[in-house]
N, C-alpha and C. Protein backbone atom coordinates (compact mmCIF):
# COMPACT_ATOMS: atom_id res chain seq x y z
N MET A 1 0.83 -1.19 0.00
CA MET A 1 0.00 0.00 0.00
C MET A 1 0.88 1.25 0.00
N THR A 2 0.33 2.30 -0.53
CA THR A 2 1.06 3.56 -0.54
C THR A 2 0.20 4.67 0.05
N ILE A 3 0.88 5.71 0.47
CA ILE A 3 0.23 6.94 0.91
C ILE A 3 0.71 8.05 -0.02
N GLN A 4 0.04 9.17 0.06
CA GLN A 4 0.48 10.36 -0.66
C GLN A 4 0.72 11.46 0.35
N LEU A 5 1.80 12.19 0.13
CA LEU A 5 2.08 13.39 0.93
C LEU A 5 1.70 14.58 0.05
N ILE A 6 0.73 15.33 0.51
CA ILE A 6 0.24 16.48 -0.25
C ILE A 6 0.73 17.75 0.43
N PRO A 7 1.51 18.56 -0.26
CA PRO A 7 1.98 19.81 0.34
C PRO A 7 0.80 20.75 0.56
N THR A 8 0.67 21.26 1.77
CA THR A 8 -0.43 22.20 2.04
C THR A 8 0.04 23.65 2.00
N ASP A 9 1.33 23.86 1.94
CA ASP A 9 1.85 25.23 1.85
C ASP A 9 2.41 25.54 0.46
N GLN A 10 2.51 24.55 -0.39
CA GLN A 10 2.99 24.71 -1.76
C GLN A 10 2.02 23.92 -2.66
N THR A 11 0.83 24.46 -2.85
CA THR A 11 -0.25 23.71 -3.50
C THR A 11 0.00 23.43 -4.98
N ASP A 12 1.00 24.07 -5.58
CA ASP A 12 1.30 23.82 -6.99
C ASP A 12 2.25 22.64 -7.19
N ILE A 13 2.70 22.01 -6.10
CA ILE A 13 3.62 20.87 -6.16
C ILE A 13 2.81 19.57 -6.13
N ALA A 14 3.16 18.64 -7.02
CA ALA A 14 2.47 17.35 -7.07
C ALA A 14 2.75 16.54 -5.80
N PRO A 15 1.78 15.75 -5.36
CA PRO A 15 1.99 14.89 -4.18
C PRO A 15 3.12 13.90 -4.40
N LEU A 16 3.69 13.44 -3.31
CA LEU A 16 4.75 12.45 -3.34
C LEU A 16 4.19 11.13 -2.80
N LYS A 17 4.39 10.04 -3.54
CA LYS A 17 3.96 8.72 -3.09
C LYS A 17 5.04 8.12 -2.19
N MET A 18 4.60 7.55 -1.09
CA MET A 18 5.49 6.92 -0.12
C MET A 18 4.88 5.60 0.31
N SER A 19 5.68 4.76 0.95
CA SER A 19 5.16 3.49 1.47
C SER A 19 4.23 3.77 2.65
N ASP A 20 3.31 2.86 2.87
CA ASP A 20 2.38 2.98 3.98
C ASP A 20 3.13 3.08 5.31
N ARG A 21 4.30 2.45 5.39
CA ARG A 21 5.12 2.48 6.61
C ARG A 21 5.50 3.91 7.00
N PHE A 22 5.65 4.78 6.01
CA PHE A 22 6.10 6.15 6.30
C PHE A 22 5.09 6.91 7.15
N ARG A 23 3.82 6.51 7.13
CA ARG A 23 2.81 7.15 7.98
C ARG A 23 3.24 7.13 9.45
N LYS A 24 3.89 6.05 9.86
CA LYS A 24 4.37 5.94 11.25
C LYS A 24 5.70 6.65 11.45
N GLU A 25 6.50 6.77 10.40
CA GLU A 25 7.83 7.37 10.51
C GLU A 25 7.80 8.90 10.51
N ILE A 26 6.81 9.50 9.88
CA ILE A 26 6.81 10.96 9.75
C ILE A 26 6.80 11.66 11.11
N VAL A 27 6.26 10.99 12.13
CA VAL A 27 6.23 11.61 13.46
C VAL A 27 7.62 11.85 14.03
N TYR A 28 8.62 11.11 13.56
CA TYR A 28 9.99 11.33 14.01
C TYR A 28 10.53 12.68 13.53
N PHE A 29 9.94 13.21 12.48
CA PHE A 29 10.44 14.43 11.85
C PHE A 29 9.61 15.67 12.15
N MET A 30 8.40 15.49 12.64
CA MET A 30 7.50 16.64 12.79
C MET A 30 8.02 17.63 13.83
N SER A 31 7.80 18.90 13.54
CA SER A 31 8.14 19.96 14.48
C SER A 31 7.00 20.09 15.48
N LEU A 32 7.35 20.39 16.71
CA LEU A 32 6.31 20.54 17.72
C LEU A 32 5.52 21.83 17.49
N PRO A 33 4.21 21.74 17.55
CA PRO A 33 3.37 22.90 17.24
C PRO A 33 3.20 23.86 18.42
N ASP A 34 4.27 24.05 19.21
CA ASP A 34 4.15 24.91 20.39
C ASP A 34 4.84 26.27 20.23
N GLY A 35 5.50 26.50 19.10
CA GLY A 35 6.18 27.77 18.88
C GLY A 35 5.27 28.81 18.25
N ALA A 36 5.69 30.05 18.34
CA ALA A 36 4.91 31.15 17.78
C ALA A 36 4.80 31.03 16.26
N ASP A 37 5.76 30.38 15.63
CA ASP A 37 5.75 30.25 14.17
C ASP A 37 5.01 29.00 13.69
N ALA A 38 4.43 28.23 14.62
CA ALA A 38 3.74 26.99 14.26
C ALA A 38 2.42 27.29 13.54
N PRO A 39 2.20 26.64 12.40
CA PRO A 39 0.94 26.84 11.68
C PRO A 39 -0.18 26.01 12.30
N LYS A 40 -1.40 26.39 12.03
CA LYS A 40 -2.55 25.58 12.43
C LYS A 40 -2.57 24.36 11.52
N LEU A 41 -2.74 23.20 12.11
CA LEU A 41 -2.74 21.96 11.34
C LEU A 41 -4.08 21.26 11.43
N GLY A 42 -4.47 20.63 10.34
CA GLY A 42 -5.68 19.84 10.32
C GLY A 42 -5.36 18.38 10.59
N LYS A 43 -6.39 17.55 10.48
CA LYS A 43 -6.24 16.12 10.67
C LYS A 43 -5.23 15.56 9.66
N ASP A 44 -4.32 14.73 10.13
CA ASP A 44 -3.30 14.07 9.31
C ASP A 44 -2.34 15.04 8.64
N GLU A 45 -2.19 16.25 9.21
CA GLU A 45 -1.23 17.23 8.69
C GLU A 45 -0.02 17.31 9.62
N TYR A 46 1.13 17.53 9.02
CA TYR A 46 2.38 17.59 9.77
C TYR A 46 3.19 18.80 9.33
N TRP A 47 3.83 19.42 10.31
CA TRP A 47 4.70 20.57 10.05
C TRP A 47 6.13 20.14 10.33
N ILE A 48 6.99 20.34 9.35
CA ILE A 48 8.41 20.03 9.47
C ILE A 48 9.17 21.29 9.07
N ARG A 49 9.88 21.88 10.01
CA ARG A 49 10.63 23.11 9.69
C ARG A 49 11.62 22.83 8.56
N LEU A 50 11.64 23.71 7.59
CA LEU A 50 12.51 23.55 6.44
C LEU A 50 13.98 23.46 6.85
N GLU A 51 14.39 24.26 7.81
CA GLU A 51 15.79 24.23 8.25
C GLU A 51 16.16 22.88 8.88
N ASP A 52 15.18 22.20 9.50
CA ASP A 52 15.44 20.87 10.03
C ASP A 52 15.62 19.86 8.90
N SER A 53 14.77 19.96 7.88
CA SER A 53 14.89 19.07 6.72
C SER A 53 16.26 19.21 6.07
N VAL A 54 16.72 20.44 5.93
CA VAL A 54 18.04 20.69 5.34
C VAL A 54 19.13 20.06 6.20
N ARG A 55 19.05 20.24 7.50
CA ARG A 55 20.07 19.71 8.42
C ARG A 55 20.10 18.18 8.38
N TRP A 56 18.93 17.54 8.41
CA TRP A 56 18.89 16.07 8.37
C TRP A 56 19.48 15.53 7.07
N LEU A 57 19.18 16.22 5.97
CA LEU A 57 19.76 15.80 4.68
C LEU A 57 21.28 15.93 4.71
N ASP A 58 21.76 17.06 5.21
CA ASP A 58 23.21 17.30 5.29
C ASP A 58 23.88 16.28 6.20
N ASP A 59 23.22 15.96 7.33
CA ASP A 59 23.80 15.02 8.30
C ASP A 59 23.64 13.57 7.88
N GLY A 60 22.66 13.29 7.02
CA GLY A 60 22.39 11.91 6.62
C GLY A 60 21.65 11.11 7.67
N GLY A 61 21.11 11.80 8.68
CA GLY A 61 20.38 11.11 9.74
C GLY A 61 19.72 12.09 10.69
N PHE A 62 19.13 11.54 11.74
CA PHE A 62 18.45 12.35 12.73
C PHE A 62 18.63 11.72 14.10
N THR A 63 18.33 12.49 15.14
CA THR A 63 18.45 12.03 16.51
C THR A 63 17.07 11.64 17.03
N LEU A 64 17.01 10.50 17.68
CA LEU A 64 15.76 10.01 18.26
C LEU A 64 15.94 9.89 19.77
N VAL A 65 15.09 10.59 20.51
CA VAL A 65 15.16 10.58 21.97
C VAL A 65 14.08 9.65 22.49
N SER A 66 14.44 8.79 23.42
CA SER A 66 13.49 7.85 23.99
C SER A 66 12.40 8.60 24.76
N PRO A 67 11.13 8.24 24.55
CA PRO A 67 10.07 8.88 25.32
C PRO A 67 10.07 8.43 26.79
N LEU A 68 10.79 7.36 27.09
CA LEU A 68 10.84 6.85 28.46
C LEU A 68 12.03 7.37 29.25
N ASP A 69 13.08 7.80 28.54
CA ASP A 69 14.30 8.25 29.21
C ASP A 69 14.98 9.28 28.32
N ALA A 70 14.87 10.55 28.66
CA ALA A 70 15.40 11.63 27.83
C ALA A 70 16.91 11.54 27.64
N GLU A 71 17.59 10.77 28.47
CA GLU A 71 19.04 10.62 28.32
C GLU A 71 19.40 9.54 27.30
N SER A 72 18.42 8.74 26.91
CA SER A 72 18.66 7.69 25.91
C SER A 72 18.41 8.27 24.53
N VAL A 73 19.51 8.50 23.81
CA VAL A 73 19.44 9.13 22.50
C VAL A 73 20.10 8.21 21.48
N ALA A 74 19.44 8.09 20.32
CA ALA A 74 20.01 7.26 19.25
C ALA A 74 20.15 8.10 17.99
N GLU A 75 21.25 7.89 17.29
CA GLU A 75 21.46 8.52 15.98
C GLU A 75 20.97 7.53 14.94
N ILE A 76 19.99 7.94 14.13
CA ILE A 76 19.38 7.08 13.13
C ILE A 76 19.78 7.55 11.73
N GLU A 77 20.30 6.64 10.93
CA GLU A 77 20.65 6.96 9.54
C GLU A 77 19.38 7.01 8.70
N LEU A 78 19.31 7.98 7.79
CA LEU A 78 18.14 8.09 6.91
C LEU A 78 18.04 6.88 5.99
N SER A 79 16.82 6.39 5.81
CA SER A 79 16.59 5.35 4.81
C SER A 79 16.54 6.03 3.44
N GLU A 80 16.62 5.25 2.38
CA GLU A 80 16.53 5.83 1.04
C GLU A 80 15.21 6.57 0.85
N GLU A 81 14.14 5.98 1.37
CA GLU A 81 12.83 6.61 1.24
C GLU A 81 12.76 7.94 2.00
N GLN A 82 13.29 7.98 3.20
CA GLN A 82 13.31 9.21 3.99
C GLN A 82 14.15 10.28 3.30
N GLU A 83 15.27 9.86 2.74
CA GLU A 83 16.14 10.80 2.02
C GLU A 83 15.42 11.38 0.80
N THR A 84 14.74 10.52 0.05
CA THR A 84 13.97 10.98 -1.13
C THR A 84 12.92 11.99 -0.70
N TRP A 85 12.22 11.71 0.39
CA TRP A 85 11.19 12.62 0.91
C TRP A 85 11.80 13.96 1.32
N LEU A 86 12.90 13.93 2.06
CA LEU A 86 13.53 15.18 2.50
C LEU A 86 14.05 15.99 1.31
N GLU A 87 14.59 15.32 0.31
CA GLU A 87 15.04 16.04 -0.89
C GLU A 87 13.87 16.74 -1.56
N TRP A 88 12.72 16.07 -1.64
CA TRP A 88 11.49 16.65 -2.21
C TRP A 88 11.04 17.85 -1.39
N MET A 89 11.08 17.72 -0.06
CA MET A 89 10.69 18.82 0.84
C MET A 89 11.60 20.04 0.63
N VAL A 90 12.91 19.81 0.62
CA VAL A 90 13.87 20.91 0.52
C VAL A 90 13.82 21.55 -0.87
N LYS A 91 13.85 20.72 -1.91
CA LYS A 91 13.82 21.24 -3.29
C LYS A 91 12.61 22.14 -3.53
N ASN A 92 11.47 21.77 -2.97
CA ASN A 92 10.22 22.50 -3.20
C ASN A 92 9.85 23.45 -2.06
N LYS A 93 10.75 23.58 -1.08
CA LYS A 93 10.53 24.47 0.07
C LYS A 93 9.20 24.20 0.77
N ILE A 94 8.95 22.92 1.02
CA ILE A 94 7.72 22.47 1.67
C ILE A 94 7.97 22.32 3.16
N SER A 95 7.01 22.80 3.96
CA SER A 95 7.13 22.61 5.40
C SER A 95 5.87 21.99 6.03
N THR A 96 4.77 21.93 5.30
CA THR A 96 3.58 21.28 5.83
C THR A 96 3.01 20.31 4.79
N VAL A 97 2.66 19.12 5.26
CA VAL A 97 2.11 18.10 4.37
C VAL A 97 0.91 17.42 5.05
N LYS A 98 0.02 16.95 4.21
CA LYS A 98 -1.11 16.13 4.65
C LYS A 98 -0.87 14.72 4.14
N VAL A 99 -1.06 13.74 5.03
CA VAL A 99 -0.91 12.32 4.68
C VAL A 99 -2.28 11.79 4.28
N VAL A 100 -2.36 11.23 3.07
CA VAL A 100 -3.62 10.71 2.54
C VAL A 100 -3.43 9.28 2.09
N GLY A 101 -4.40 8.43 2.36
CA GLY A 101 -4.38 7.05 1.90
C GLY A 101 -3.70 6.13 2.86
N GLY A 102 -3.51 4.89 2.41
CA GLY A 102 -2.87 3.89 3.25
C GLY A 102 -3.79 3.40 4.35
N SER A 103 -3.23 2.67 5.27
CA SER A 103 -4.02 2.14 6.38
C SER A 103 -3.55 2.77 7.67
N VAL A 104 -4.50 3.09 8.52
CA VAL A 104 -4.20 3.67 9.84
C VAL A 104 -4.27 2.53 10.84
N ARG A 105 -3.19 2.33 11.56
CA ARG A 105 -3.17 1.24 12.56
C ARG A 105 -2.92 1.78 13.93
């Protein structure tokens, strides 16, 4: 199964098809909506700061902090799919996307 990522801030850009698995992975990248610059988001919408996307691409990975122990941090290498997605985000200056399709588990 596949999902589509539809840019909500760059409506002239075609959606990107991703594996259904990415629906669960996108939460690792989302920016927290608690800052003054945070946009209002609808159901299944995610905000990812463009500068974070650029940094993860440059670094080739991201940091994952355990929700159970803030001192437990892991460096995760980007998968090919994640890298393709971030390249699409950066190239098109996208920071908000809506996830459509696939299965919700």
